[in-house]
Amino acid sequence: MSDRILLTLAVFAFFLFCVFLMWRGWRRKSRAQSVQVPPFAEIPAEPGEASLESTGLYVSTTTAGHWQDRVVTRGAGLRTGAVWRLHEDGIAIERGGAPDFWIPRASVIGVRKDKGMAGKVMGIDALLVITWLAGDVELDTGFRGDDVDDYPQWIEALQDTRNDIKGGA
């Protein structure tokens, strides 16, 4: 009987050790990224009226083109329920239990539908992914909407923004 208890304790201790190492790796990555990735902008006090709104799941933010390289600094790596609102000057991302942030419309580089991001793989075209600049760093931010039928409206509105920026330059 005591051999079973010792074996159970050894397995439990090994499990706790693995959790500790994962936590330590997450913190190390967060510290490194806090230097590389600038802080995300806060939602303005008066962002104006929203032209589009979608609810769903904020999946994550990754470095652009690297769908598994999750940005974990400043709470960006936390998967949460979210509301996305498109305003004239940007996108307000309001997340439950994690810091909200703002993607300025002028920093949007691209928008697309995708199937997976940072450990979350779904059906084809189940994610809305916005590629944007935070300082000089290109990021992809993924959102799984409750209603995927909203995606074409988001894509059209954000592509119009890109065309306006290119036309004005």
C-alpha atoms as a PDB file:
ATOM      1  CA  MET A   1       0.000   0.000   0.000  1.00  0.00           C
ATOM      2  CA  SER A   2       2.780   2.454   0.831  1.00  0.00           C
ATOM      3  CA  ASP A   3       4.412   1.831  -2.585  1.00  0.00           C
ATOM      4  CA  ARG A   4       1.221   3.079  -4.274  1.00  0.00           C
ATOM      5  CA  ILE A   5       1.132   6.187  -2.131  1.00  0.00           C
ATOM      6  CA  LEU A   6       4.788   6.918  -2.900  1.00  0.00           C
ATOM      7  CA  LEU A   7       4.204   6.373  -6.625  1.00  0.00           C
ATOM      8  CA  THR A   8       1.123   8.617  -6.535  1.00  0.00           C
ATOM      9  CA  LEU A   9       3.056  11.335  -4.708  1.00  0.00           C
ATOM     10  CA  ALA A  10       5.938  11.031  -7.190  1.00  0.00           C
ATOM     11  CA  VAL A  11       3.580  11.417 -10.170  1.00  0.00           C
ATOM     12  CA  PHE A  12       1.837  14.354  -8.502  1.00  0.00           C
ATOM     13  CA  ALA A  13       5.187  16.021  -7.716  1.00  0.00           C
ATOM     14  CA  PHE A  14       6.309  15.523 -11.321  1.00  0.00           C
ATOM     15  CA  PHE A  15       3.051  17.087 -12.547  1.00  0.00           C
ATOM     16  CA  LEU A  16       3.534  20.113 -10.264  1.00  0.00           C
ATOM     17  CA  PHE A  17       7.125  20.457 -11.445  1.00  0.00           C
ATOM     18  CA  CYS A  18       5.964  20.493 -15.087  1.00  0.00           C
ATOM     19  CA  VAL A  19       3.323  23.146 -14.293  1.00  0.00           C
ATOM     20  CA  PHE A  20       6.001  25.224 -12.553  1.00  0.00           C
ATOM     21  CA  LEU A  21       8.292  24.987 -15.606  1.00  0.00           C
ATOM     22  CA  MET A  22       5.456  26.015 -17.945  1.00  0.00           C
ATOM     23  CA  TRP A  23       4.612  28.997 -15.725  1.00  0.00           C
ATOM     24  CA  ARG A  24       8.277  30.014 -15.625  1.00  0.00           C
ATOM     25  CA  GLY A  25       8.587  29.758 -19.426  1.00  0.00           C
ATOM     26  CA  TRP A  26       5.445  31.875 -19.892  1.00  0.00           C
ATOM     27  CA  ARG A  27       6.883  34.575 -17.589  1.00  0.00           C
ATOM     28  CA  ARG A  28      10.250  34.511 -19.357  1.00  0.00           C
ATOM     29  CA  LYS A  29       8.565  34.888 -22.751  1.00  0.00           C
ATOM     30  CA  SER A  30       6.402  37.717 -21.403  1.00  0.00           C
ATOM     31  CA  ARG A  31       9.448  39.623 -20.120  1.00  0.00           C
ATOM     32  CA  ALA A  32      11.283  39.216 -23.437  1.00  0.00           C
ATOM     33  CA  GLN A  33       8.252  40.329 -25.443  1.00  0.00           C
ATOM     34  CA  SER A  34       7.636  43.352 -23.218  1.00  0.00           C
ATOM     35  CA  VAL A  35      10.829  44.795 -24.719  1.00  0.00           C
ATOM     36  CA  GLN A  36      10.132  43.681 -28.310  1.00  0.00           C
ATOM     37  CA  VAL A  37       6.414  44.480 -28.564  1.00  0.00           C
ATOM     38  CA  PRO A  38       5.277  47.986 -27.592  1.00  0.00           C
ATOM     39  CA  PRO A  39       2.253  48.346 -25.298  1.00  0.00           C
ATOM     40  CA  PHE A  40      -1.066  48.151 -27.106  1.00  0.00           C
ATOM     41  CA  ALA A  41      -3.029  51.386 -27.329  1.00  0.00           C
ATOM     42  CA  GLU A  42      -5.896  51.911 -24.907  1.00  0.00           C
ATOM     43  CA  ILE A  43      -9.415  52.431 -26.197  1.00  0.00           C
ATOM     44  CA  PRO A  44     -10.039  56.195 -26.475  1.00  0.00           C
ATOM     45  CA  ALA A  45     -12.478  57.699 -23.978  1.00  0.00           C
ATOM     46  CA  GLU A  46     -14.703  58.864 -26.855  1.00  0.00           C
ATOM     47  CA  PRO A  47     -14.138  56.487 -29.795  1.00  0.00           C
ATOM     48  CA  GLY A  48     -17.315  57.597 -31.579  1.00  0.00           C
ATOM     49  CA  GLU A  49     -20.163  55.481 -32.847  1.00  0.00           C
ATOM     50  CA  ALA A  50     -19.414  51.903 -33.879  1.00  0.00           C
ATOM     51  CA  SER A  51     -20.216  50.975 -37.478  1.00  0.00           C
ATOM     52  CA  LEU A  52     -19.773  47.223 -36.822  1.00  0.00           C
ATOM     53  CA  GLU A  53     -19.943  45.104 -33.687  1.00  0.00           C
ATOM     54  CA  SER A  54     -19.313  41.395 -33.192  1.00  0.00           C
ATOM     55  CA  THR A  55     -19.193  39.175 -30.133  1.00  0.00           C
ATOM     56  CA  GLY A  56     -17.178  36.017 -29.792  1.00  0.00           C
ATOM     57  CA  LEU A  57     -13.825  34.704 -28.625  1.00  0.00           C
ATOM     58  CA  TYR A  58     -10.564  36.645 -28.711  1.00  0.00           C
ATOM     59  CA  VAL A  59      -8.227  33.813 -29.701  1.00  0.00           C
ATOM     60  CA  SER A  60      -4.810  35.472 -29.456  1.00  0.00           C
ATOM     61  CA  THR A  61      -2.292  37.834 -30.935  1.00  0.00           C
ATOM     62  CA  THR A  62       0.776  36.400 -32.653  1.00  0.00           C
ATOM     63  CA  THR A  63       3.688  37.802 -34.600  1.00  0.00           C
ATOM     64  CA  ALA A  64       2.502  38.244 -38.184  1.00  0.00           C
ATOM     65  CA  GLY A  65       2.963  35.203 -40.369  1.00  0.00           C
ATOM     66  CA  HIS A  66       3.840  32.965 -37.407  1.00  0.00           C
ATOM     67  CA  TRP A  67       0.508  31.535 -36.292  1.00  0.00           C
ATOM     68  CA  GLN A  68       2.008  29.640 -33.331  1.00  0.00           C
ATOM     69  CA  ASP A  69       4.182  32.460 -31.917  1.00  0.00           C
ATOM     70  CA  ARG A  70       1.710  33.809 -29.381  1.00  0.00           C
ATOM     71  CA  VAL A  71       2.312  37.250 -27.892  1.00  0.00           C
ATOM     72  CA  VAL A  72       1.906  36.779 -24.135  1.00  0.00           C
ATOM     73  CA  THR A  73       3.058  40.110 -22.735  1.00  0.00           C
ATOM     74  CA  ARG A  74       0.574  42.444 -21.002  1.00  0.00           C
ATOM     75  CA  GLY A  75      -2.243  39.892 -21.071  1.00  0.00           C
ATOM     76  CA  ALA A  76      -2.320  39.560 -24.874  1.00  0.00           C
ATOM     77  CA  GLY A  77      -1.940  35.775 -24.648  1.00  0.00           C
ATOM     78  CA  LEU A  78      -5.127  35.209 -22.654  1.00  0.00           C
ATOM     79  CA  ARG A  79      -7.986  33.660 -24.627  1.00  0.00           C
ATOM     80  CA  THR A  80     -11.205  35.383 -23.534  1.00  0.00           C
ATOM     81  CA  GLY A  81     -14.716  36.259 -24.561  1.00  0.00           C
ATOM     82  CA  ALA A  82     -14.692  39.556 -26.433  1.00  0.00           C
ATOM     83  CA  VAL A  83     -16.638  42.254 -28.195  1.00  0.00           C
ATOM     84  CA  TRP A  84     -15.060  43.854 -31.260  1.00  0.00           C
ATOM     85  CA  ARG A  85     -16.298  47.261 -32.366  1.00  0.00           C
ATOM     86  CA  LEU A  86     -15.248  49.021 -35.549  1.00  0.00           C
ATOM     87  CA  HIS A  87     -15.073  52.785 -35.164  1.00  0.00           C
ATOM     88  CA  GLU A  88     -14.024  55.434 -37.642  1.00  0.00           C
ATOM     89  CA  ASP A  89     -10.481  55.613 -36.209  1.00  0.00           C
ATOM     90  CA  GLY A  90      -9.917  52.034 -35.096  1.00  0.00           C
ATOM     91  CA  ILE A  91     -11.057  48.754 -33.618  1.00  0.00           C
ATOM     92  CA  ALA A  92     -11.973  48.505 -29.947  1.00  0.00           C
ATOM     93  CA  ILE A  93     -11.315  45.033 -28.560  1.00  0.00           C
ATOM     94  CA  GLU A  94     -13.056  44.646 -25.221  1.00  0.00           C
ATOM     95  CA  ARG A  95     -12.122  41.438 -23.431  1.00  0.00           C
ATOM     96  CA  GLY A  96     -13.670  39.965 -20.339  1.00  0.00           C
ATOM     97  CA  GLY A  97     -11.065  39.313 -17.642  1.00  0.00           C
ATOM     98  CA  ALA A  98      -8.136  40.703 -19.663  1.00  0.00           C
ATOM     99  CA  PRO A  99      -6.951  44.165 -20.715  1.00  0.00           C
ATOM    100  CA  ASP A 100      -8.932  45.819 -23.508  1.00  0.00           C
ATOM    101  CA  PHE A 101      -6.997  47.379 -26.362  1.00  0.00           C
ATOM    102  CA  TRP A 102      -7.320  49.508 -29.478  1.00  0.00           C
ATOM    103  CA  ILE A 103      -6.049  48.820 -32.992  1.00  0.00           C
ATOM    104  CA  PRO A 104      -5.735  52.166 -34.799  1.00  0.00           C
ATOM    105  CA  ARG A 105      -7.279  51.932 -38.245  1.00  0.00           C
ATOM    106  CA  ALA A 106      -4.179  53.486 -39.817  1.00  0.00           C
ATOM    107  CA  SER A 107      -2.045  50.589 -38.527  1.00  0.00           C
ATOM    108  CA  VAL A 108      -4.171  47.847 -40.143  1.00  0.00           C
ATOM    109  CA  ILE A 109      -2.130  46.113 -42.849  1.00  0.00           C
ATOM    110  CA  GLY A 110      -4.508  43.317 -43.807  1.00  0.00           C
ATOM    111  CA  VAL A 111      -7.529  41.259 -42.865  1.00  0.00           C
ATOM    112  CA  ARG A 112      -8.388  37.679 -43.734  1.00  0.00           C
ATOM    113  CA  LYS A 113     -10.263  34.574 -42.719  1.00  0.00           C
ATOM    114  CA  ASP A 114      -8.141  31.715 -41.415  1.00  0.00           C
ATOM    115  CA  LYS A 115      -8.483  28.291 -39.777  1.00  0.00           C
ATOM    116  CA  GLY A 116      -6.112  28.427 -36.822  1.00  0.00           C
ATOM    117  CA  MET A 117      -3.954  30.494 -34.520  1.00  0.00           C
ATOM    118  CA  ALA A 118      -1.769  29.795 -31.472  1.00  0.00           C
ATOM    119  CA  GLY A 119      -3.047  26.418 -30.385  1.00  0.00           C
ATOM    120  CA  LYS A 120      -6.638  26.968 -31.562  1.00  0.00           C
ATOM    121  CA  VAL A 121      -7.497  25.229 -34.830  1.00  0.00           C
ATOM    122  CA  MET A 122     -11.055  25.447 -36.093  1.00  0.00           C
ATOM    123  CA  GLY A 123     -12.935  24.877 -39.307  1.00  0.00           C
ATOM    124  CA  ILE A 124     -11.873  26.529 -42.548  1.00  0.00           C
ATOM    125  CA  ASP A 125     -12.385  30.309 -42.435  1.00  0.00           C
ATOM    126  CA  ALA A 126     -13.612  30.177 -38.823  1.00  0.00           C
ATOM    127  CA  LEU A 127     -11.292  32.966 -37.613  1.00  0.00           C
ATOM    128  CA  LEU A 128     -11.127  36.624 -38.541  1.00  0.00           C
ATOM    129  CA  VAL A 129      -7.471  37.673 -38.457  1.00  0.00           C
ATOM    130  CA  ILE A 130      -6.360  41.297 -38.563  1.00  0.00           C
ATOM    131  CA  THR A 131      -2.726  42.027 -39.397  1.00  0.00           C
ATOM    132  CA  TRP A 132      -1.571  45.329 -37.921  1.00  0.00           C
ATOM    133  CA  LEU A 133       1.432  47.311 -36.751  1.00  0.00           C
ATOM    134  CA  ALA A 134       2.206  47.934 -33.087  1.00  0.00           C
ATOM    135  CA  GLY A 135       5.114  50.322 -33.443  1.00  0.00           C
ATOM    136  CA  ASP A 136       7.405  48.535 -35.924  1.00  0.00           C
ATOM    137  CA  VAL A 137       6.182  45.035 -35.048  1.00  0.00           C
ATOM    138  CA  GLU A 138       3.670  43.300 -37.341  1.00  0.00           C
ATOM    139  CA  LEU A 139       1.052  41.340 -35.421  1.00  0.00           C
ATOM    140  CA  ASP A 140      -1.898  39.084 -36.243  1.00  0.00           C
ATOM    141  CA  THR A 141      -4.898  39.269 -33.920  1.00  0.00           C
ATOM    142  CA  GLY A 142      -7.484  36.505 -34.210  1.00  0.00           C
ATOM    143  CA  PHE A 143     -11.159  36.534 -33.351  1.00  0.00           C
ATOM    144  CA  ARG A 144     -13.719  33.716 -33.520  1.00  0.00           C
ATOM    145  CA  GLY A 145     -17.055  35.442 -33.932  1.00  0.00           C
ATOM    146  CA  ASP A 146     -20.338  34.027 -32.674  1.00  0.00           C
ATOM    147  CA  ASP A 147     -21.704  34.794 -36.147  1.00  0.00           C
ATOM    148  CA  VAL A 148     -19.163  34.107 -38.909  1.00  0.00           C
ATOM    149  CA  ASP A 149     -21.560  35.743 -41.366  1.00  0.00           C
ATOM    150  CA  ASP A 150     -20.242  39.099 -40.017  1.00  0.00           C
ATOM    151  CA  TYR A 151     -16.752  38.445 -41.421  1.00  0.00           C
ATOM    152  CA  PRO A 152     -17.384  39.735 -44.981  1.00  0.00           C
ATOM    153  CA  GLN A 153     -18.553  43.078 -43.540  1.00  0.00           C
ATOM    154  CA  TRP A 154     -15.383  43.369 -41.434  1.00  0.00           C
ATOM    155  CA  ILE A 155     -13.164  42.415 -44.381  1.00  0.00           C
ATOM    156  CA  GLU A 156     -14.855  44.901 -46.693  1.00  0.00           C
ATOM    157  CA  ALA A 157     -14.722  47.738 -44.151  1.00  0.00           C
ATOM    158  CA  LEU A 158     -11.057  47.141 -43.297  1.00  0.00           C
ATOM    159  CA  GLN A 159      -9.993  46.683 -46.927  1.00  0.00           C
ATOM    160  CA  ASP A 160     -11.685  50.005 -47.702  1.00  0.00           C
ATOM    161  CA  THR A 161      -9.511  51.507 -44.956  1.00  0.00           C
ATOM    162  CA  ARG A 162      -6.372  50.102 -46.582  1.00  0.00           C
ATOM    163  CA  ASN A 163      -7.432  51.479 -49.964  1.00  0.00           C
ATOM    164  CA  ASP A 164      -8.077  54.915 -48.405  1.00  0.00           C
ATOM    165  CA  ILE A 165      -4.618  54.877 -46.785  1.00  0.00           C
ATOM    166  CA  LYS A 166      -2.900  53.802 -50.032  1.00  0.00           C
ATOM    167  CA  GLY A 167      -4.847  56.384 -52.034  1.00  0.00           C
ATOM    168  CA  GLY A 168      -3.927  59.159 -49.614  1.00  0.00           C
ATOM    169  CA  ALA A 169      -0.217  58.329 -49.604  1.00  0.00           C
END
